Amino acid sequence: MSRTFHIQRKELLSGAREATGIAVVIDVYRAFTCAALMMHLGAEQIVLHGDPKAILKLKLQKGYLAVGEVGGKIVDGFDLGNSPTRILAAGRQTFAGRTVAQRTSAGVTGAMAASYQADAVILGSYVTAGAIARYIHRMSPPPTVVSLVAMGADGKRPTPEDQVCGDYIEHLLTGRAYDHVAALRQTIEHESTQKFLRGQHEHLPPTDPLYCLQRDVFDFCIVGTRENEGRDAQLVARRVDVLAK
């Protein structure tokens, strides 16, 4: 079925606040690649929260796994940082049947910001891009507006991996031209990737970009639902299977 969407391209935290319609909040390095991997490894849901102290409270009171970062580094008391490499090493035995509480500087804070006025929030990454497009195409009634929000570094500085992932999702939704080889070259040559490849920091494993830049790995997308308000506000993200026909 052919559908026409009005695509809004937004970026950074300011753009997340402006997102309307279906908001696809994109964080390739690394939050929403991590979210997809945790779902693949059996996590039942992911509670997104911007406050690290609130995450630790959820861990203490409810037994949630605490995953994420501040300034790119794991928070004291968290179980895991924001690294696909580390998440895969932790394995299914860590995540199966568990609720994860996730905090990151770009993706999570952006998804939370978008949730205030968007009709729905989808966690965007390359690994789930195809499923995201199928999910949106199959929505009934079809959305009139899709906001693609590239979160960049800390939600403050644009980075190519999120921009080109947005290009790819727009291509899948509308047929707009997309060159993945050019996208990879632009991304790999940029400092946002090079800082991993130099292998100088323990919290930036060189293998992380290899996982993050794989397209269409999973036949599910991750959709967030806003729950509670005020200081208790959180976004609960759940897996939605969207198999290719």
C-alpha atoms as a PDB file:
ATOM      1  CA  MET A   1       0.000   0.000   0.000  1.00  0.00           C
ATOM      2  CA  SER A   2       1.416   3.382  -1.009  1.00  0.00           C
ATOM      3  CA  ARG A   3       1.241   6.022   1.709  1.00  0.00           C
ATOM      4  CA  THR A   4       2.421   9.598   1.843  1.00  0.00           C
ATOM      5  CA  PHE A   5       3.945  10.886   5.036  1.00  0.00           C
ATOM      6  CA  HIS A   6       4.938  14.417   5.919  1.00  0.00           C
ATOM      7  CA  ILE A   7       8.481  13.925   7.187  1.00  0.00           C
ATOM      8  CA  GLN A   8       9.862  16.429   9.670  1.00  0.00           C
ATOM      9  CA  ARG A   9      13.614  16.326  10.205  1.00  0.00           C
ATOM     10  CA  LYS A  10      14.641  17.454  13.678  1.00  0.00           C
ATOM     11  CA  GLU A  11      17.849  17.243  15.644  1.00  0.00           C
ATOM     12  CA  LEU A  12      19.241  17.401  19.159  1.00  0.00           C
ATOM     13  CA  LEU A  13      17.308  17.913  22.368  1.00  0.00           C
ATOM     14  CA  SER A  14      15.702  21.098  21.082  1.00  0.00           C
ATOM     15  CA  GLY A  15      14.350  19.180  18.083  1.00  0.00           C
ATOM     16  CA  ALA A  16      13.056  16.385  20.300  1.00  0.00           C
ATOM     17  CA  ARG A  17      10.995  18.928  22.207  1.00  0.00           C
ATOM     18  CA  GLU A  18       9.458  20.068  18.901  1.00  0.00           C
ATOM     19  CA  ALA A  19       8.648  16.595  17.562  1.00  0.00           C
ATOM     20  CA  THR A  20       5.030  15.930  16.648  1.00  0.00           C
ATOM     21  CA  GLY A  21       3.104  13.037  15.142  1.00  0.00           C
ATOM     22  CA  ILE A  22       5.108   9.816  15.281  1.00  0.00           C
ATOM     23  CA  ALA A  23       8.483  10.718  16.765  1.00  0.00           C
ATOM     24  CA  VAL A  24      11.365   8.418  15.832  1.00  0.00           C
ATOM     25  CA  VAL A  25      14.119   9.465  18.224  1.00  0.00           C
ATOM     26  CA  ILE A  26      17.414   8.243  16.762  1.00  0.00           C
ATOM     27  CA  ASP A  27      20.478   7.359  18.832  1.00  0.00           C
ATOM     28  CA  VAL A  28      22.728   4.994  16.887  1.00  0.00           C
ATOM     29  CA  TYR A  29      25.789   5.511  19.161  1.00  0.00           C
ATOM     30  CA  ARG A  30      24.653   3.923  21.375  1.00  0.00           C
ATOM     31  CA  ALA A  31      21.487   4.058  23.441  1.00  0.00           C
ATOM     32  CA  PHE A  32      18.936   2.615  21.088  1.00  0.00           C
ATOM     33  CA  THR A  33      21.244   0.029  19.594  1.00  0.00           C
ATOM     34  CA  CYS A  34      21.735  -1.082  23.206  1.00  0.00           C
ATOM     35  CA  ALA A  35      17.977  -1.051  23.789  1.00  0.00           C
ATOM     36  CA  ALA A  36      17.411  -3.327  20.792  1.00  0.00           C
ATOM     37  CA  LEU A  37      20.140  -5.717  21.913  1.00  0.00           C
ATOM     38  CA  MET A  38      18.690  -5.901  25.407  1.00  0.00           C
ATOM     39  CA  MET A  39      15.268  -6.716  23.956  1.00  0.00           C
ATOM     40  CA  HIS A  40      16.877  -9.359  21.744  1.00  0.00           C
ATOM     41  CA  LEU A  41      18.472 -10.877  24.836  1.00  0.00           C
ATOM     42  CA  GLY A  42      15.105 -11.205  26.526  1.00  0.00           C
ATOM     43  CA  ALA A  43      14.433  -7.966  28.422  1.00  0.00           C
ATOM     44  CA  GLU A  44      10.681  -7.559  28.907  1.00  0.00           C
ATOM     45  CA  GLN A  45      10.601  -3.773  28.975  1.00  0.00           C
ATOM     46  CA  ILE A  46      12.851  -0.760  29.340  1.00  0.00           C
ATOM     47  CA  VAL A  47      11.986   2.096  31.666  1.00  0.00           C
ATOM     48  CA  LEU A  48      13.548   5.300  30.344  1.00  0.00           C
ATOM     49  CA  HIS A  49      14.392   7.952  32.895  1.00  0.00           C
ATOM     50  CA  GLY A  50      16.605  11.017  32.761  1.00  0.00           C
ATOM     51  CA  ASP A  51      17.695  11.043  36.398  1.00  0.00           C
ATOM     52  CA  PRO A  52      20.480   8.617  37.398  1.00  0.00           C
ATOM     53  CA  LYS A  53      19.348   8.763  41.033  1.00  0.00           C
ATOM     54  CA  ALA A  54      15.863   7.695  39.987  1.00  0.00           C
ATOM     55  CA  ILE A  55      17.384   4.771  38.084  1.00  0.00           C
ATOM     56  CA  LEU A  56      19.294   3.655  41.168  1.00  0.00           C
ATOM     57  CA  LYS A  57      16.100   3.945  43.213  1.00  0.00           C
ATOM     58  CA  LEU A  58      14.297   1.686  40.727  1.00  0.00           C
ATOM     59  CA  LYS A  59      17.160  -0.792  40.986  1.00  0.00           C
ATOM     60  CA  LEU A  60      17.031  -0.806  44.780  1.00  0.00           C
ATOM     61  CA  GLN A  61      13.260  -0.850  45.226  1.00  0.00           C
ATOM     62  CA  LYS A  62      12.108  -2.913  42.250  1.00  0.00           C
ATOM     63  CA  GLY A  63      15.134  -4.935  41.262  1.00  0.00           C
ATOM     64  CA  TYR A  64      15.468  -3.378  37.811  1.00  0.00           C
ATOM     65  CA  LEU A  65      18.731  -3.629  35.921  1.00  0.00           C
ATOM     66  CA  ALA A  66      20.364  -0.204  35.808  1.00  0.00           C
ATOM     67  CA  VAL A  67      21.956   0.500  32.429  1.00  0.00           C
ATOM     68  CA  GLY A  68      23.364   3.660  30.904  1.00  0.00           C
ATOM     69  CA  GLU A  69      25.753   6.548  31.269  1.00  0.00           C
ATOM     70  CA  VAL A  70      26.468  10.134  32.162  1.00  0.00           C
ATOM     71  CA  GLY A  71      29.143  11.762  30.016  1.00  0.00           C
ATOM     72  CA  GLY A  72      29.570   8.474  28.164  1.00  0.00           C
ATOM     73  CA  LYS A  73      30.734   6.613  31.282  1.00  0.00           C
ATOM     74  CA  ILE A  74      28.897   4.082  33.414  1.00  0.00           C
ATOM     75  CA  VAL A  75      27.287   5.567  36.525  1.00  0.00           C
ATOM     76  CA  ASP A  76      28.452   4.304  39.912  1.00  0.00           C
ATOM     77  CA  GLY A  77      25.990   1.658  41.027  1.00  0.00           C
ATOM     78  CA  PHE A  78      24.698   0.875  37.527  1.00  0.00           C
ATOM     79  CA  ASP A  79      24.937  -2.710  36.329  1.00  0.00           C
ATOM     80  CA  LEU A  80      26.113  -1.866  32.816  1.00  0.00           C
ATOM     81  CA  GLY A  81      27.138   1.135  30.763  1.00  0.00           C
ATOM     82  CA  ASN A  82      25.981   2.251  27.346  1.00  0.00           C
ATOM     83  CA  SER A  83      27.932  -0.243  25.234  1.00  0.00           C
ATOM     84  CA  PRO A  84      26.637  -2.878  22.785  1.00  0.00           C
ATOM     85  CA  THR A  85      29.854  -4.831  23.301  1.00  0.00           C
ATOM     86  CA  ARG A  86      29.345  -5.028  27.054  1.00  0.00           C
ATOM     87  CA  ILE A  87      25.646  -5.826  26.728  1.00  0.00           C
ATOM     88  CA  LEU A  88      26.328  -8.737  24.398  1.00  0.00           C
ATOM     89  CA  ALA A  89      29.028  -9.998  26.746  1.00  0.00           C
ATOM     90  CA  ALA A  90      26.534  -9.914  29.629  1.00  0.00           C
ATOM     91  CA  GLY A  91      24.322 -12.260  27.625  1.00  0.00           C
ATOM     92  CA  ARG A  92      20.792 -13.579  27.800  1.00  0.00           C
ATOM     93  CA  GLN A  93      21.247 -14.799  31.360  1.00  0.00           C
ATOM     94  CA  THR A  94      21.477 -11.165  32.463  1.00  0.00           C
ATOM     95  CA  PHE A  95      18.438  -9.806  30.607  1.00  0.00           C
ATOM     96  CA  ALA A  96      15.901 -12.606  30.135  1.00  0.00           C
ATOM     97  CA  GLY A  97      12.616 -11.724  31.811  1.00  0.00           C
ATOM     98  CA  ARG A  98      14.009  -8.545  33.385  1.00  0.00           C
ATOM     99  CA  THR A  99      12.959  -4.917  33.390  1.00  0.00           C
ATOM    100  CA  VAL A 100      15.773  -2.539  32.492  1.00  0.00           C
ATOM    101  CA  ALA A 101      15.985   1.053  33.707  1.00  0.00           C
ATOM    102  CA  GLN A 102      17.987   3.027  31.133  1.00  0.00           C
ATOM    103  CA  ARG A 103      19.494   6.488  31.318  1.00  0.00           C
ATOM    104  CA  THR A 104      21.578   8.138  28.576  1.00  0.00           C
ATOM    105  CA  SER A 105      22.508  11.713  27.782  1.00  0.00           C
ATOM    106  CA  ALA A 106      21.110  11.816  24.247  1.00  0.00           C
ATOM    107  CA  GLY A 107      18.653   9.089  23.294  1.00  0.00           C
ATOM    108  CA  VAL A 108      16.800   8.624  26.573  1.00  0.00           C
ATOM    109  CA  THR A 109      16.559  12.323  27.358  1.00  0.00           C
ATOM    110  CA  GLY A 110      15.409  12.965  23.774  1.00  0.00           C
ATOM    111  CA  ALA A 111      12.736  10.286  23.885  1.00  0.00           C
ATOM    112  CA  MET A 112      11.475  11.663  27.189  1.00  0.00           C
ATOM    113  CA  ALA A 113      11.343  15.180  25.732  1.00  0.00           C
ATOM    114  CA  ALA A 114       9.494  14.032  22.604  1.00  0.00           C
ATOM    115  CA  SER A 115       6.931  12.107  24.626  1.00  0.00           C
ATOM    116  CA  TYR A 116       5.279  15.283  25.921  1.00  0.00           C
ATOM    117  CA  GLN A 117       3.673  16.250  22.616  1.00  0.00           C
ATOM    118  CA  ALA A 118       4.299  13.497  20.066  1.00  0.00           C
ATOM    119  CA  ASP A 119       1.499  11.003  19.441  1.00  0.00           C
ATOM    120  CA  ALA A 120       3.942   8.113  19.825  1.00  0.00           C
ATOM    121  CA  VAL A 121       7.671   7.662  20.440  1.00  0.00           C
ATOM    122  CA  ILE A 122       9.769   5.034  18.677  1.00  0.00           C
ATOM    123  CA  LEU A 123      13.378   4.350  19.651  1.00  0.00           C
ATOM    124  CA  GLY A 124      15.395   4.682  16.443  1.00  0.00           C
ATOM    125  CA  SER A 125      18.548   2.865  15.344  1.00  0.00           C
ATOM    126  CA  TYR A 126      19.990   1.195  12.262  1.00  0.00           C
ATOM    127  CA  VAL A 127      19.446  -2.280  13.694  1.00  0.00           C
ATOM    128  CA  THR A 128      15.674  -1.735  13.881  1.00  0.00           C
ATOM    129  CA  ALA A 129      15.234   0.697  10.957  1.00  0.00           C
ATOM    130  CA  GLY A 130      13.417  -1.699   8.622  1.00  0.00           C
ATOM    131  CA  ALA A 131      11.004  -2.769  11.345  1.00  0.00           C
ATOM    132  CA  ILE A 132      10.365   0.869  12.259  1.00  0.00           C
ATOM    133  CA  ALA A 133       9.412   1.665   8.674  1.00  0.00           C
ATOM    134  CA  ARG A 134       7.121  -1.367   8.454  1.00  0.00           C
ATOM    135  CA  TYR A 135       5.472  -0.435  11.739  1.00  0.00           C
ATOM    136  CA  ILE A 136       4.733   3.087  10.527  1.00  0.00           C
ATOM    137  CA  HIS A 137       3.546   1.887   7.111  1.00  0.00           C
ATOM    138  CA  ARG A 138       1.101  -0.522   8.769  1.00  0.00           C
ATOM    139  CA  MET A 139      -0.370   1.946  11.260  1.00  0.00           C
ATOM    140  CA  SER A 140      -4.122   2.410  11.010  1.00  0.00           C
ATOM    141  CA  PRO A 141      -5.097   5.133  10.609  1.00  0.00           C
ATOM    142  CA  PRO A 142      -1.835   6.153   8.930  1.00  0.00           C
ATOM    143  CA  PRO A 143       0.056   9.008  10.570  1.00  0.00           C
ATOM    144  CA  THR A 144       0.114  12.343   8.792  1.00  0.00           C
ATOM    145  CA  VAL A 145       3.408  13.459  10.370  1.00  0.00           C
ATOM    146  CA  VAL A 146       6.575  11.503  11.139  1.00  0.00           C
ATOM    147  CA  SER A 147       9.323  13.364  13.002  1.00  0.00           C
ATOM    148  CA  LEU A 148      12.809  11.910  12.584  1.00  0.00           C
ATOM    149  CA  VAL A 149      14.947  13.268  15.410  1.00  0.00           C
ATOM    150  CA  ALA A 150      18.731  12.805  15.187  1.00  0.00           C
ATOM    151  CA  MET A 151      19.982  13.173  18.757  1.00  0.00           C
ATOM    152  CA  GLY A 152      23.713  13.587  18.089  1.00  0.00           C
ATOM    153  CA  ALA A 153      26.318  13.783  20.853  1.00  0.00           C
ATOM    154  CA  ASP A 154      24.732  14.373  24.270  1.00  0.00           C
ATOM    155  CA  GLY A 155      21.739  15.894  22.491  1.00  0.00           C
ATOM    156  CA  LYS A 156      23.840  19.012  21.888  1.00  0.00           C
ATOM    157  CA  ARG A 157      26.055  18.468  18.816  1.00  0.00           C
ATOM    158  CA  PRO A 158      25.074  16.904  15.466  1.00  0.00           C
ATOM    159  CA  THR A 159      26.807  13.658  14.498  1.00  0.00           C
ATOM    160  CA  PRO A 160      26.577  11.865  11.157  1.00  0.00           C
ATOM    161  CA  GLU A 161      25.509   8.415  12.356  1.00  0.00           C
ATOM    162  CA  ASP A 162      22.143   9.694  13.569  1.00  0.00           C
ATOM    163  CA  GLN A 163      21.619  11.957  10.568  1.00  0.00           C
ATOM    164  CA  VAL A 164      22.260   9.195   8.022  1.00  0.00           C
ATOM    165  CA  CYS A 165      20.149   6.716   9.968  1.00  0.00           C
ATOM    166  CA  GLY A 166      17.379   9.279   9.644  1.00  0.00           C
ATOM    167  CA  ASP A 167      18.095   9.416   5.905  1.00  0.00           C
ATOM    168  CA  TYR A 168      17.760   5.643   5.727  1.00  0.00           C
ATOM    169  CA  ILE A 169      14.455   5.539   7.605  1.00  0.00           C
ATOM    170  CA  GLU A 170      13.137   8.347   5.399  1.00  0.00           C
ATOM    171  CA  HIS A 171      14.214   6.305   2.360  1.00  0.00           C
ATOM    172  CA  LEU A 172      12.284   3.305   3.660  1.00  0.00           C
ATOM    173  CA  LEU A 173       9.196   5.436   4.306  1.00  0.00           C
ATOM    174  CA  THR A 174       9.169   7.554   1.154  1.00  0.00           C
ATOM    175  CA  GLY A 175      11.576   6.091  -1.393  1.00  0.00           C
ATOM    176  CA  ARG A 176      13.891   9.094  -1.167  1.00  0.00           C
ATOM    177  CA  ALA A 177      17.365   8.271  -2.511  1.00  0.00           C
ATOM    178  CA  TYR A 178      19.854   6.860  -0.014  1.00  0.00           C
ATOM    179  CA  ASP A 179      23.466   5.735  -0.498  1.00  0.00           C
ATOM    180  CA  HIS A 180      24.582   3.478   2.339  1.00  0.00           C
ATOM    181  CA  VAL A 181      28.205   3.364   1.192  1.00  0.00           C
ATOM    182  CA  ALA A 182      28.396   7.170   1.313  1.00  0.00           C
ATOM    183  CA  ALA A 183      26.643   7.129   4.686  1.00  0.00           C
ATOM    184  CA  LEU A 184      29.152   4.650   6.099  1.00  0.00           C
ATOM    185  CA  ARG A 185      32.131   6.606   4.799  1.00  0.00           C
ATOM    186  CA  GLN A 186      30.816   9.855   6.262  1.00  0.00           C
ATOM    187  CA  THR A 187      30.172   8.182   9.601  1.00  0.00           C
ATOM    188  CA  ILE A 188      33.376   6.171   9.911  1.00  0.00           C
ATOM    189  CA  GLU A 189      35.616   9.107   9.030  1.00  0.00           C
ATOM    190  CA  HIS A 190      33.985  11.339  11.646  1.00  0.00           C
ATOM    191  CA  GLU A 191      35.295  11.803  15.164  1.00  0.00           C
ATOM    192  CA  SER A 192      32.091  10.268  16.551  1.00  0.00           C
ATOM    193  CA  THR A 193      33.386   6.912  15.237  1.00  0.00           C
ATOM    194  CA  GLN A 194      37.121   7.521  15.372  1.00  0.00           C
ATOM    195  CA  LYS A 195      37.023   7.989  19.155  1.00  0.00           C
ATOM    196  CA  PHE A 196      35.959   4.331  19.409  1.00  0.00           C
ATOM    197  CA  LEU A 197      38.416   3.000  16.851  1.00  0.00           C
ATOM    198  CA  ARG A 198      41.438   4.528  18.587  1.00  0.00           C
ATOM    199  CA  GLY A 199      40.769   2.194  21.530  1.00  0.00           C
ATOM    200  CA  GLN A 200      42.024   4.699  24.080  1.00  0.00           C
ATOM    201  CA  HIS A 201      39.131   4.560  26.532  1.00  0.00           C
ATOM    202  CA  GLU A 202      37.671   1.568  28.328  1.00  0.00           C
ATOM    203  CA  HIS A 203      34.131   2.938  28.047  1.00  0.00           C
ATOM    204  CA  LEU A 204      34.447   3.279  24.242  1.00  0.00           C
ATOM    205  CA  PRO A 205      35.116  -0.269  22.948  1.00  0.00           C
ATOM    206  CA  PRO A 206      36.362  -0.296  19.321  1.00  0.00           C
ATOM    207  CA  THR A 207      33.783  -2.977  18.490  1.00  0.00           C
ATOM    208  CA  ASP A 208      30.775  -0.816  19.420  1.00  0.00           C
ATOM    209  CA  PRO A 209      30.447   0.870  15.999  1.00  0.00           C
ATOM    210  CA  LEU A 210      30.498  -2.534  14.291  1.00  0.00           C
ATOM    211  CA  TYR A 211      27.294  -3.475  16.076  1.00  0.00           C
ATOM    212  CA  CYS A 212      25.697  -0.043  15.779  1.00  0.00           C
ATOM    213  CA  LEU A 213      26.064   0.324  12.002  1.00  0.00           C
ATOM    214  CA  GLN A 214      24.380  -2.951  11.012  1.00  0.00           C
ATOM    215  CA  ARG A 215      21.104  -2.385   9.144  1.00  0.00           C
ATOM    216  CA  ASP A 216      17.813  -4.175   9.780  1.00  0.00           C
ATOM    217  CA  VAL A 217      19.096  -6.811  12.180  1.00  0.00           C
ATOM    218  CA  PHE A 218      15.843  -7.256  14.085  1.00  0.00           C
ATOM    219  CA  ASP A 219      12.222  -7.772  13.043  1.00  0.00           C
ATOM    220  CA  PHE A 220      10.924  -5.667  15.903  1.00  0.00           C
ATOM    221  CA  CYS A 221      10.799  -2.032  16.827  1.00  0.00           C
ATOM    222  CA  ILE A 222      10.660  -0.459  20.289  1.00  0.00           C
ATOM    223  CA  VAL A 223       7.735   1.800  21.143  1.00  0.00           C
ATOM    224  CA  GLY A 224       7.586   3.998  24.223  1.00  0.00           C
ATOM    225  CA  THR A 225       4.482   4.758  26.281  1.00  0.00           C
ATOM    226  CA  ARG A 226       4.481   7.664  28.719  1.00  0.00           C
ATOM    227  CA  GLU A 227       3.524   6.798  32.274  1.00  0.00           C
ATOM    228  CA  ASN A 228       3.096   9.071  35.309  1.00  0.00           C
ATOM    229  CA  GLU A 229       3.801  12.781  35.451  1.00  0.00           C
ATOM    230  CA  GLY A 230       6.017  15.239  37.298  1.00  0.00           C
ATOM    231  CA  ARG A 231       9.055  13.850  39.108  1.00  0.00           C
ATOM    232  CA  ASP A 232       7.721  10.322  38.624  1.00  0.00           C
ATOM    233  CA  ALA A 233       7.390  10.671  34.832  1.00  0.00           C
ATOM    234  CA  GLN A 234       8.947   7.887  32.829  1.00  0.00           C
ATOM    235  CA  LEU A 235       8.734   6.391  29.387  1.00  0.00           C
ATOM    236  CA  VAL A 236       8.221   2.625  29.263  1.00  0.00           C
ATOM    237  CA  ALA A 237       9.487   1.031  26.050  1.00  0.00           C
ATOM    238  CA  ARG A 238       8.315  -2.340  24.816  1.00  0.00           C
ATOM    239  CA  ARG A 239       9.120  -4.566  21.882  1.00  0.00           C
ATOM    240  CA  VAL A 240       6.652  -4.725  19.004  1.00  0.00           C
ATOM    241  CA  ASP A 241       7.297  -7.499  16.484  1.00  0.00           C
ATOM    242  CA  VAL A 242       6.902  -6.346  12.883  1.00  0.00           C
ATOM    243  CA  LEU A 243       7.708  -9.291  10.662  1.00  0.00           C
ATOM    244  CA  ALA A 244       8.452  -8.757   6.983  1.00  0.00           C
ATOM    245  CA  LYS A 245       5.691 -10.105   4.762  1.00  0.00           C
END
